[in-house]
N, C-alpha and C. Protein backbone atom coordinates (compact mmCIF):
# COMPACT_ATOMS: atom_id res chain seq x y z
N MET A 1 -56.81 12.88 112.61
CA MET A 1 -56.51 11.39 113.25
C MET A 1 -57.14 11.30 114.52
N VAL A 2 -56.82 12.60 115.21
CA VAL A 2 -56.95 11.99 116.33
C VAL A 2 -57.81 12.19 116.90
N ARG A 3 -59.41 13.23 116.03
CA ARG A 3 -60.81 12.96 116.42
C ARG A 3 -61.15 11.29 115.38
N LEU A 4 -61.07 11.11 114.79
CA LEU A 4 -61.17 9.84 114.61
C LEU A 4 -61.03 8.53 115.94
N GLY A 5 -59.46 8.59 116.30
CA GLY A 5 -59.64 8.35 117.71
C GLY A 5 -60.76 8.40 119.05
N ALA A 6 -60.02 9.84 119.13
CA ALA A 6 -61.87 10.30 120.06
C ALA A 6 -63.25 9.78 119.67
N ALA A 7 -63.60 9.44 118.95
CA ALA A 7 -65.02 9.62 118.28
C ALA A 7 -64.42 7.80 118.80
N LEU A 8 -63.60 6.53 118.42
CA LEU A 8 -64.00 5.14 118.59
C LEU A 8 -63.74 4.74 120.06
N LEU A 9 -62.96 5.61 120.76
CA LEU A 9 -63.39 5.31 121.81
C LEU A 9 -64.46 6.02 122.77
N ALA A 10 -65.07 7.02 122.90
CA ALA A 10 -66.90 7.83 122.58
C ALA A 10 -67.33 5.64 121.90
N LEU A 11 -67.50 5.87 120.88
CA LEU A 11 -68.09 4.60 120.64
C LEU A 11 -67.79 3.08 121.28
N MET A 12 -66.54 2.87 121.81
CA MET A 12 -66.22 1.92 122.98
C MET A 12 -66.71 1.98 123.99
N LEU A 13 -67.20 3.59 124.37
CA LEU A 13 -67.65 3.86 126.16
C LEU A 13 -69.18 2.94 125.83
N MET A 14 -69.60 3.51 125.13
CA MET A 14 -71.80 3.28 124.67
C MET A 14 -71.41 2.74 124.41
N GLY A 15 -70.43 1.76 123.56
CA GLY A 15 -70.31 0.50 123.58
C GLY A 15 -70.88 -0.44 124.94
N THR A 16 -69.56 -0.27 125.63
CA THR A 16 -69.52 -0.69 126.79
C THR A 16 -71.12 -0.32 127.59
N MET A 17 -71.01 0.47 127.81
CA MET A 17 -72.47 1.00 128.70
C MET A 17 -73.77 0.12 128.14
N ALA A 18 -74.01 0.15 126.72
CA ALA A 18 -74.77 -0.27 126.33
C ALA A 18 -74.93 -1.84 126.43
N MET A 19 -73.37 -2.66 126.35
CA MET A 19 -73.50 -4.53 126.78
C MET A 19 -74.08 -4.52 128.21
N GLY A 20 -73.48 -3.43 129.35
CA GLY A 20 -73.75 -4.30 130.52
C GLY A 20 -76.15 -3.51 130.59
N GLN A 21 -76.18 -2.54 129.60
CA GLN A 21 -77.52 -2.68 129.73
C GLN A 21 -78.07 -4.67 129.23
N GLY A 22 -76.87 -5.04 128.54
CA GLY A 22 -77.70 -6.25 127.05
C GLY A 22 -77.99 -6.05 126.51
N ARG A 23 -77.44 -4.45 125.36
CA ARG A 23 -78.18 -3.94 124.35
C ARG A 23 -76.67 -3.27 123.99
N ILE A 24 -76.29 -3.55 122.14
CA ILE A 24 -75.16 -3.36 122.02
C ILE A 24 -76.03 -2.68 120.72
N PRO A 25 -76.04 -0.94 120.77
CA PRO A 25 -76.37 -0.28 119.78
C PRO A 25 -75.91 0.02 118.06
N PRO A 26 -76.28 -0.38 117.43
CA PRO A 26 -75.14 -0.59 115.89
C PRO A 26 -74.80 0.51 115.42
N LEU A 27 -73.45 0.33 114.93
CA LEU A 27 -73.23 1.43 113.89
C LEU A 27 -73.81 1.40 112.37
N LEU A 28 -73.60 2.57 111.99
CA LEU A 28 -74.01 2.83 110.43
C LEU A 28 -72.78 3.16 109.78
N LEU A 29 -72.91 2.58 108.61
CA LEU A 29 -71.82 2.25 107.92
C LEU A 29 -71.85 3.24 106.66
N VAL A 30 -71.74 4.25 106.00
CA VAL A 30 -71.69 5.17 104.31
C VAL A 30 -70.01 5.04 104.03
N ASN A 31 -70.50 5.02 102.68
CA ASN A 31 -68.91 5.55 101.65
C ASN A 31 -69.58 7.22 101.29
N PRO A 32 -68.60 8.33 101.90
CA PRO A 32 -69.50 9.12 100.96
C PRO A 32 -68.92 9.82 99.98
N GLN A 33 -68.04 9.66 99.42
CA GLN A 33 -67.73 9.42 98.12
C GLN A 33 -68.84 8.27 97.32
N GLN A 34 -68.73 7.29 97.38
CA GLN A 34 -69.72 6.76 96.47
C GLN A 34 -71.30 7.58 96.71
N VAL A 35 -72.13 8.17 97.85
CA VAL A 35 -72.82 9.11 97.11
C VAL A 35 -72.78 9.97 96.34
N LEU A 36 -71.63 10.81 96.75
CA LEU A 36 -71.34 11.91 95.90
C LEU A 36 -71.31 10.90 94.49
N GLU A 37 -70.93 10.25 94.35
CA GLU A 37 -70.53 9.74 92.89
C GLU A 37 -72.06 9.25 92.45
N ARG A 38 -72.62 8.72 93.11
CA ARG A 38 -74.02 7.24 92.02
C ARG A 38 -75.56 8.57 92.54
N SER A 39 -75.45 9.65 93.41
CA SER A 39 -76.69 10.18 93.87
C SER A 39 -76.74 11.63 92.44
N GLU A 40 -77.75 11.76 91.88
CA GLU A 40 -78.23 12.50 91.38
C GLU A 40 -77.82 14.35 91.40
N THR A 41 -77.53 14.45 92.73
CA THR A 41 -77.69 15.79 93.76
C THR A 41 -75.57 15.50 93.01
N GLY A 42 -75.09 14.72 93.31
CA GLY A 42 -74.02 14.44 93.77
C GLY A 42 -73.28 14.54 92.46
N ARG A 43 -73.05 13.36 91.31
CA ARG A 43 -73.12 14.47 89.63
C ARG A 43 -73.51 15.13 89.24
N ALA A 44 -74.92 15.21 89.58
CA ALA A 44 -74.58 17.14 89.35
C ALA A 44 -73.42 18.55 89.84
N LEU A 45 -73.12 17.83 90.72
CA LEU A 45 -72.46 18.69 91.46
C LEU A 45 -70.12 18.59 91.85
N ILE A 46 -70.42 17.13 91.00
CA ILE A 46 -69.45 16.87 90.22
C ILE A 46 -69.16 17.40 88.70
N ALA A 47 -70.53 17.49 88.30
CA ALA A 47 -70.59 18.35 86.99
C ALA A 47 -70.65 19.76 87.01
N GLU A 48 -70.93 20.48 87.75
CA GLU A 48 -70.88 21.54 87.40
C GLU A 48 -69.06 22.58 88.00
N ASN A 49 -68.57 21.13 89.04
CA ASN A 49 -67.20 21.33 89.32
C ASN A 49 -66.65 21.63 88.14
N GLN A 50 -66.99 20.14 87.43
CA GLN A 50 -65.74 19.68 86.08
C GLN A 50 -66.66 21.04 85.05
N GLU A 51 -67.25 21.79 85.09
CA GLU A 51 -68.06 22.94 84.30
C GLU A 51 -67.13 23.94 84.43
N ALA A 52 -66.95 24.34 85.17
CA ALA A 52 -66.23 25.45 86.41
C ALA A 52 -64.76 25.33 85.97
N ARG A 53 -64.36 24.42 86.43
CA ARG A 53 -62.37 24.16 85.90
C ARG A 53 -62.04 23.69 84.84
N GLU A 54 -63.23 23.84 83.77
CA GLU A 54 -63.07 23.84 82.35
C GLU A 54 -62.53 25.61 81.87
N ALA A 55 -63.87 25.44 82.20
CA ALA A 55 -64.27 26.95 81.64
C ALA A 55 -62.72 28.16 82.59
N LEU A 56 -62.39 27.55 83.54
CA LEU A 56 -61.01 28.05 84.16
C LEU A 56 -59.64 28.27 83.55
N ALA A 57 -59.93 27.12 82.77
CA ALA A 57 -58.69 26.71 82.33
C ALA A 57 -58.44 26.57 80.83
N ALA A 58 -59.70 26.76 80.69
CA ALA A 58 -59.58 27.39 78.79
C ALA A 58 -59.84 29.26 78.59
N GLU A 59 -59.84 29.14 79.76
CA GLU A 59 -59.72 31.11 79.95
C GLU A 59 -58.48 31.77 80.20
N SER A 60 -57.30 30.39 80.99
CA SER A 60 -56.48 30.68 80.92
C SER A 60 -55.46 29.97 79.92
N ALA A 61 -55.79 29.37 79.31
CA ALA A 61 -55.41 28.83 77.45
C ALA A 61 -55.06 29.90 76.58
N GLU A 62 -56.66 30.62 77.02
CA GLU A 62 -56.42 31.16 75.75
C GLU A 62 -55.80 33.13 76.27
N ARG A 63 -55.89 33.21 77.77
CA ARG A 63 -54.90 34.24 77.89
C ARG A 63 -53.65 33.95 77.57
N SER A 64 -53.14 33.05 77.71
CA SER A 64 -51.66 32.42 77.29
C SER A 64 -51.77 32.17 75.80
N ASP A 65 -52.00 31.93 75.36
CA ASP A 65 -51.97 32.02 73.47
C ASP A 65 -51.96 33.34 72.99
N ALA A 66 -52.94 34.30 73.78
CA ALA A 66 -53.01 35.43 73.80
C ALA A 66 -51.27 36.02 73.89
N PHE A 67 -50.78 35.95 75.03
CA PHE A 67 -49.64 36.26 75.74
C PHE A 67 -48.51 35.87 74.55
N GLU A 68 -48.54 34.51 73.82
CA GLU A 68 -46.99 33.90 73.38
C GLU A 68 -47.26 34.74 71.46
N ARG A 69 -48.94 35.35 70.18
CA ARG A 69 -48.94 35.75 69.59
C ARG A 69 -48.06 37.13 70.20
N GLU A 70 -48.36 37.97 70.94
CA GLU A 70 -48.10 39.18 71.75
C GLU A 70 -46.45 38.82 71.51
N GLU A 71 -45.85 38.60 71.93
CA GLU A 71 -44.35 37.70 72.76
C GLU A 71 -44.01 38.04 71.32
N MET A 72 -44.16 36.75 70.75
CA MET A 72 -43.58 36.58 68.69
C MET A 72 -43.42 38.41 68.29
N GLU A 73 -44.88 38.60 67.97
CA GLU A 73 -44.47 39.95 67.34
C GLU A 73 -43.84 41.29 68.21
N LEU A 74 -43.68 41.22 69.53
CA LEU A 74 -42.67 41.98 70.27
C LEU A 74 -41.26 41.58 69.78
N THR A 75 -40.92 40.51 69.36
CA THR A 75 -39.13 39.67 69.05
C THR A 75 -39.23 40.24 68.08
N GLU A 76 -39.58 40.08 66.92
CA GLU A 76 -39.88 40.34 66.01
C GLU A 76 -39.92 42.37 65.39
N ARG A 77 -40.26 43.05 66.77
CA ARG A 77 -39.46 44.24 66.03
C ARG A 77 -38.84 44.65 67.11
N ARG A 78 -37.67 43.80 67.70
CA ARG A 78 -37.11 44.25 68.74
C ARG A 78 -35.61 44.54 67.32
N GLY A 79 -35.79 43.82 66.85
CA GLY A 79 -34.62 44.36 65.34
C GLY A 79 -35.14 46.54 64.67
N ALA A 80 -35.65 46.55 64.73
CA ALA A 80 -36.45 47.79 64.42
C ALA A 80 -36.95 48.87 65.52
N MET A 81 -36.10 48.62 66.56
CA MET A 81 -36.53 49.13 67.27
C MET A 81 -35.05 49.89 68.49
N GLU A 82 -35.44 51.15 69.07
CA GLU A 82 -34.17 50.80 69.83
C GLU A 82 -33.99 50.27 71.14
N PRO A 83 -33.00 50.16 71.58
CA PRO A 83 -33.22 48.92 73.16
C PRO A 83 -33.82 49.57 73.85
N GLU A 84 -33.50 51.32 74.76
CA GLU A 84 -35.06 51.14 75.18
C GLU A 84 -35.97 51.15 74.78
N ALA A 85 -36.48 51.60 74.16
CA ALA A 85 -38.47 51.37 74.05
C ALA A 85 -37.94 50.01 73.79
N PHE A 86 -37.74 49.68 72.72
CA PHE A 86 -38.06 47.88 73.08
C PHE A 86 -37.88 47.03 74.51
N ALA A 87 -37.15 47.81 74.97
CA ALA A 87 -37.11 47.15 76.97
C ALA A 87 -38.33 48.26 77.52
N ALA A 88 -38.96 49.25 77.29
CA ALA A 88 -40.16 49.83 77.70
C ALA A 88 -41.61 49.03 77.00
N LEU A 89 -41.52 48.69 76.08
CA LEU A 89 -42.44 47.88 75.94
C LEU A 89 -42.20 46.30 76.43
N ALA A 90 -41.07 46.23 76.42
CA ALA A 90 -41.06 44.21 76.63
C ALA A 90 -41.21 44.40 78.67
N ASP A 91 -41.26 45.26 79.19
CA ASP A 91 -40.99 45.56 81.22
C ASP A 91 -42.81 45.96 81.07
N GLU A 92 -43.51 46.53 80.12
CA GLU A 92 -45.19 46.39 79.73
C GLU A 92 -45.78 44.76 79.90
N PHE A 93 -45.00 44.46 79.13
CA PHE A 93 -45.53 43.80 78.91
C PHE A 93 -45.53 42.38 79.77
N ASP A 94 -44.08 42.71 80.44
CA ASP A 94 -44.05 41.23 81.35
C ASP A 94 -45.24 41.12 82.51
N ALA A 95 -45.12 42.95 82.52
CA ALA A 95 -46.36 43.43 83.98
C ALA A 95 -47.43 43.19 83.76
N ARG A 96 -48.08 42.88 82.38
CA ARG A 96 -49.12 42.48 82.69
C ARG A 96 -49.82 40.73 82.07
N VAL A 97 -48.12 40.23 81.61
CA VAL A 97 -48.14 38.99 81.83
C VAL A 97 -48.47 38.87 83.27
N ARG A 98 -47.48 39.30 84.53
CA ARG A 98 -47.70 38.80 86.20
C ARG A 98 -48.76 38.84 86.27
N ALA A 99 -49.69 40.38 85.88
CA ALA A 99 -50.86 40.41 86.23
C ALA A 99 -51.91 39.61 86.29
N ALA A 100 -51.77 39.09 85.17
CA ALA A 100 -52.59 38.11 83.94
C ALA A 100 -52.21 37.24 85.49
N ARG A 101 -51.08 36.26 85.67
CA ARG A 101 -51.61 35.22 86.16
C ARG A 101 -51.39 35.40 87.45
N ALA A 102 -51.41 36.27 87.49
CA ALA A 102 -51.56 36.77 89.10
C ALA A 102 -53.87 36.50 89.84
N GLU A 103 -53.88 37.54 88.28
CA GLU A 103 -55.30 37.71 88.52
C GLU A 103 -56.15 35.73 88.46
N GLN A 104 -54.97 34.97 87.87
CA GLN A 104 -55.35 33.50 87.66
C GLN A 104 -55.29 32.93 88.39
N ASP A 105 -54.56 33.14 89.32
CA ASP A 105 -54.15 32.36 90.77
C ASP A 105 -55.11 32.41 91.34
N ARG A 106 -55.86 33.86 91.82
CA ARG A 106 -57.14 33.80 92.49
C ARG A 106 -58.22 33.19 92.32
N ALA A 107 -58.02 33.58 90.96
CA ALA A 107 -59.53 33.03 90.12
C ALA A 107 -59.52 31.82 90.52
N GLY A 108 -58.81 30.69 90.34
CA GLY A 108 -58.54 29.39 90.49
C GLY A 108 -58.43 29.63 92.31
N GLN A 109 -58.59 29.84 93.63
CA GLN A 109 -58.28 29.92 94.58
C GLN A 109 -59.93 30.02 94.99
N GLN A 110 -60.28 31.03 94.42
CA GLN A 110 -61.70 31.49 94.86
C GLN A 110 -62.75 30.17 94.62
N LEU A 111 -62.27 29.76 92.90
CA LEU A 111 -63.04 28.93 91.90
C LEU A 111 -62.95 27.71 93.63
N ALA A 112 -61.35 27.23 94.26
CA ALA A 112 -61.81 26.11 94.92
C ALA A 112 -62.74 26.20 96.62
N ARG A 113 -62.78 27.89 96.95
CA ARG A 113 -63.15 28.08 98.03
C ARG A 113 -64.90 27.22 97.56
N ASP A 114 -65.05 28.30 95.76
CA ASP A 114 -66.60 27.56 95.76
C ASP A 114 -66.60 26.46 95.66
N GLN A 115 -65.75 25.41 95.36
CA GLN A 115 -66.40 24.19 95.26
C GLN A 115 -66.07 23.94 96.55
N GLU A 116 -65.65 24.48 97.26
CA GLU A 116 -65.58 23.70 99.00
C GLU A 116 -66.90 23.58 99.33
N ALA A 117 -67.59 25.10 99.59
CA ALA A 117 -68.37 25.35 99.56
C ALA A 117 -69.77 24.80 99.53
N ALA A 118 -69.49 24.55 97.97
CA ALA A 118 -70.77 23.32 97.25
C ALA A 118 -70.48 22.18 97.43
N GLN A 119 -69.59 21.49 98.59
CA GLN A 119 -69.73 20.14 98.50
C GLN A 119 -69.57 19.96 100.10
N ALA A 120 -69.12 21.76 101.17
CA ALA A 120 -70.41 21.36 101.88
C ALA A 120 -71.72 21.71 102.34
N ARG A 121 -72.35 22.22 101.25
CA ARG A 121 -74.26 22.15 101.42
C ARG A 121 -74.14 20.75 100.46
N PHE A 122 -73.54 20.35 99.97
CA PHE A 122 -73.68 19.65 99.57
C PHE A 122 -73.79 17.51 101.07
N ASN A 123 -72.61 18.13 101.57
CA ASN A 123 -72.67 17.11 102.90
C ASN A 123 -73.80 17.79 104.22
N ALA A 124 -74.07 19.21 104.43
CA ALA A 124 -75.33 19.45 104.53
C ALA A 124 -76.52 19.15 104.63
N LEU A 125 -76.96 18.62 103.20
CA LEU A 125 -78.15 17.61 102.84
C LEU A 125 -78.22 15.82 103.06
N LEU A 126 -76.67 15.63 103.54
CA LEU A 126 -76.92 14.34 104.24
C LEU A 126 -76.70 14.44 105.89
N THR A 127 -76.57 15.21 106.10
CA THR A 127 -77.27 14.77 107.79
C THR A 127 -78.19 14.66 108.55
N PRO A 128 -78.88 15.32 107.96
CA PRO A 128 -80.74 15.00 108.02
C PRO A 128 -80.88 12.95 107.66
N ILE A 129 -80.85 13.05 106.67
CA ILE A 129 -80.72 11.52 106.32
C ILE A 129 -80.30 10.62 107.44
N TYR A 130 -78.59 10.69 107.74
CA TYR A 130 -77.66 10.33 108.17
C TYR A 130 -79.32 10.23 109.89
N SER A 131 -79.23 11.30 110.82
CA SER A 131 -80.26 11.07 111.54
C SER A 131 -81.70 10.36 111.66
N GLU A 132 -82.07 10.33 110.78
CA GLU A 132 -83.20 10.03 110.09
C GLU A 132 -83.01 8.11 110.33
N LEU A 133 -81.88 8.09 109.33
CA LEU A 133 -81.57 5.78 109.00
C LEU A 133 -81.43 5.96 110.62
N MET A 134 -80.64 6.66 111.50
CA MET A 134 -79.98 6.88 113.09
C MET A 134 -81.20 6.07 113.72
N ARG A 135 -82.04 7.08 113.52
CA ARG A 135 -83.18 6.90 114.95
C ARG A 135 -83.89 5.33 114.40
N GLU A 136 -84.36 5.70 112.91
CA GLU A 136 -84.96 4.27 112.25
C GLU A 136 -84.58 3.02 113.06
N SER A 137 -82.67 2.80 113.25
CA SER A 137 -82.74 1.61 113.19
C SER A 137 -81.85 1.72 114.44
N GLY A 138 -82.15 2.93 115.52
CA GLY A 138 -81.39 2.98 117.24
C GLY A 138 -80.01 3.46 116.58
N ALA A 139 -79.23 3.56 115.85
CA ALA A 139 -77.56 3.27 115.59
C ALA A 139 -76.91 3.81 116.95
N ALA A 140 -76.13 4.14 117.26
CA ALA A 140 -75.21 4.92 118.10
C ALA A 140 -74.01 5.99 117.31
N ALA A 141 -74.48 6.02 115.85
CA ALA A 141 -73.78 6.83 115.12
C ALA A 141 -73.62 6.24 113.48
N VAL A 142 -73.35 6.71 112.69
CA VAL A 142 -72.65 6.36 111.06
C VAL A 142 -71.31 7.07 111.32
N LEU A 143 -70.43 5.72 110.65
CA LEU A 143 -69.33 6.23 110.09
C LEU A 143 -68.80 5.88 108.60
N ASP A 144 -67.66 6.84 108.47
CA ASP A 144 -67.04 6.60 106.88
C ASP A 144 -66.63 4.69 106.95
N ILE A 145 -66.70 3.60 105.99
CA ILE A 145 -66.93 2.71 105.57
C ILE A 145 -65.44 2.69 105.30
N ARG A 146 -64.57 3.70 104.46
CA ARG A 146 -63.40 3.47 104.66
C ARG A 146 -62.61 3.82 105.44
N ASN A 147 -63.15 4.15 106.44
CA ASN A 147 -61.93 3.87 107.77
C ASN A 147 -62.19 2.46 108.48
N VAL A 148 -63.14 1.83 107.86
CA VAL A 148 -63.63 0.87 109.09
C VAL A 148 -62.68 -0.29 108.44
N VAL A 149 -61.61 -0.95 109.19
CA VAL A 149 -61.16 -2.63 109.20
C VAL A 149 -62.82 -3.88 108.07
N LEU A 150 -63.22 -3.80 109.06
CA LEU A 150 -64.60 -5.59 108.38
C LEU A 150 -65.50 -4.71 109.14
N ALA A 151 -66.69 -5.53 108.66
CA ALA A 151 -67.76 -5.03 109.51
C ALA A 151 -68.82 -5.36 107.64
N ASN A 152 -69.93 -6.14 108.94
CA ASN A 152 -71.08 -6.54 108.17
C ASN A 152 -71.65 -5.36 106.87
N SER A 153 -71.82 -6.38 106.41
CA SER A 153 -72.35 -5.39 104.99
C SER A 153 -73.87 -4.73 104.98
N GLN A 154 -74.62 -5.49 106.00
CA GLN A 154 -75.90 -5.00 106.39
C GLN A 154 -75.97 -3.73 107.41
N LEU A 155 -74.66 -3.45 107.53
CA LEU A 155 -74.39 -1.83 108.02
C LEU A 155 -73.87 -0.84 106.91
N ASP A 156 -74.47 -1.02 105.88
CA ASP A 156 -73.78 -0.50 104.88
C ASP A 156 -75.04 0.60 104.67
N ILE A 157 -75.06 1.80 105.07
CA ILE A 157 -76.54 2.53 104.44
C ILE A 157 -76.12 3.32 103.00
N THR A 158 -75.28 3.54 102.56
CA THR A 158 -74.67 4.36 101.08
C THR A 158 -75.79 3.71 100.52
N ARG A 159 -76.51 2.78 99.91
CA ARG A 159 -77.05 2.87 98.92
C ARG A 159 -78.46 3.65 99.34
N GLU A 160 -79.30 3.45 100.38
CA GLU A 160 -80.38 3.83 101.48
C GLU A 160 -80.67 5.25 100.95
N VAL A 161 -78.94 5.93 101.42
CA VAL A 161 -78.81 7.46 101.49
C VAL A 161 -78.93 7.94 100.38
N ILE A 162 -78.41 7.08 99.54
CA ILE A 162 -78.33 7.07 97.78
C ILE A 162 -79.96 7.61 97.41
N ARG A 163 -80.69 6.66 98.24
CA ARG A 163 -82.15 6.50 97.12
C ARG A 163 -82.56 7.87 98.22
N ARG A 164 -82.59 8.32 99.04
CA ARG A 164 -83.22 9.28 99.60
C ARG A 164 -82.72 10.58 99.08
N LEU A 165 -81.83 10.65 99.24
CA LEU A 165 -80.92 11.92 98.36
C LEU A 165 -81.70 12.00 97.20
N ASP A 166 -81.93 11.44 96.30
CA ASP A 166 -82.51 11.52 95.26
C ASP A 166 -84.16 12.42 95.43
N ALA A 167 -84.75 11.14 96.80
CA ALA A 167 -85.96 11.30 96.50
C ALA A 167 -86.39 12.42 96.90
N ALA A 168 -84.64 13.02 97.51
CA ALA A 168 -85.59 14.65 98.14
C ALA A 168 -85.62 15.32 97.41
N ALA A 169 -84.90 15.32 96.87
CA ALA A 169 -84.25 16.26 95.21
C ALA A 169 -85.09 15.90 94.62
N ALA A 170 -85.74 14.88 93.73
CA ALA A 170 -87.05 15.11 93.28
C ALA A 170 -87.50 15.54 93.30
N LEU A 171 -87.97 15.90 95.10
CA LEU A 171 -89.45 16.63 95.42
C LEU A 171 -88.65 17.83 95.13
N ASP A 172 -87.90 18.70 95.15
CA ASP A 172 -87.62 19.56 94.81
C ASP A 172 -87.62 20.34 94.04
N ASP A 173 -87.90 19.60 92.67
CA ASP A 173 -87.37 19.48 91.45
C ASP A 173 -89.57 19.56 90.83
N GLU A 174 -90.55 19.31 91.91
CA GLU A 174 -91.10 19.52 91.74
C GLU A 174 -91.72 20.40 91.53
N PRO A 175 -92.86 21.35 90.43
CA PRO A 175 -93.91 22.57 90.93
C PRO A 175 -94.75 22.39 92.04
N ALA A 176 -94.53 23.22 93.00
CA ALA A 176 -95.87 23.54 93.46
C ALA A 176 -96.96 24.02 92.69
N ASP A 177 -97.51 23.45 93.86
CA ASP A 177 -99.56 23.51 93.82
C ASP A 177 -99.76 24.65 93.78
N GLN A 178 -100.31 25.02 92.79
CA GLN A 178 -101.32 26.92 93.17
C GLN A 178 -101.99 26.64 93.26
């Protein structure tokens, strides 16, 4: 929130300076969430993230089911065992369950880090597009439209960002001439 306030203050100062020169540099607006959800690159990222989450959840469910079956078998064997032998088996089982849960937690944390890094790479793809659009329009800044109360819809560059991102991705997918 402090960064947003500082950015708005800087923009107001730039606007004041530009007004003194008779020209107010435009601001451009973009909806990063729409860029993510509507661009080919963004949809691929979303699908990849969903697939990874589902794989982790399936692995977790599989482990959980296996432990439940083992627990039921252990419970059935309890009556035929000496209390000390059962306690040793139960302790060993409990230790394996705790270790599996800890491993699952680590895997979930790693998945979150991987997805955060993928999002950062996606955002890095947008920076040159934003810069190009700023140069072309003479804009002073690109702001997240979700933080703007009211604006002229002509300032919204979301569709153009998506178009350029998809075009760049299509170029990257073309085989190199040999």
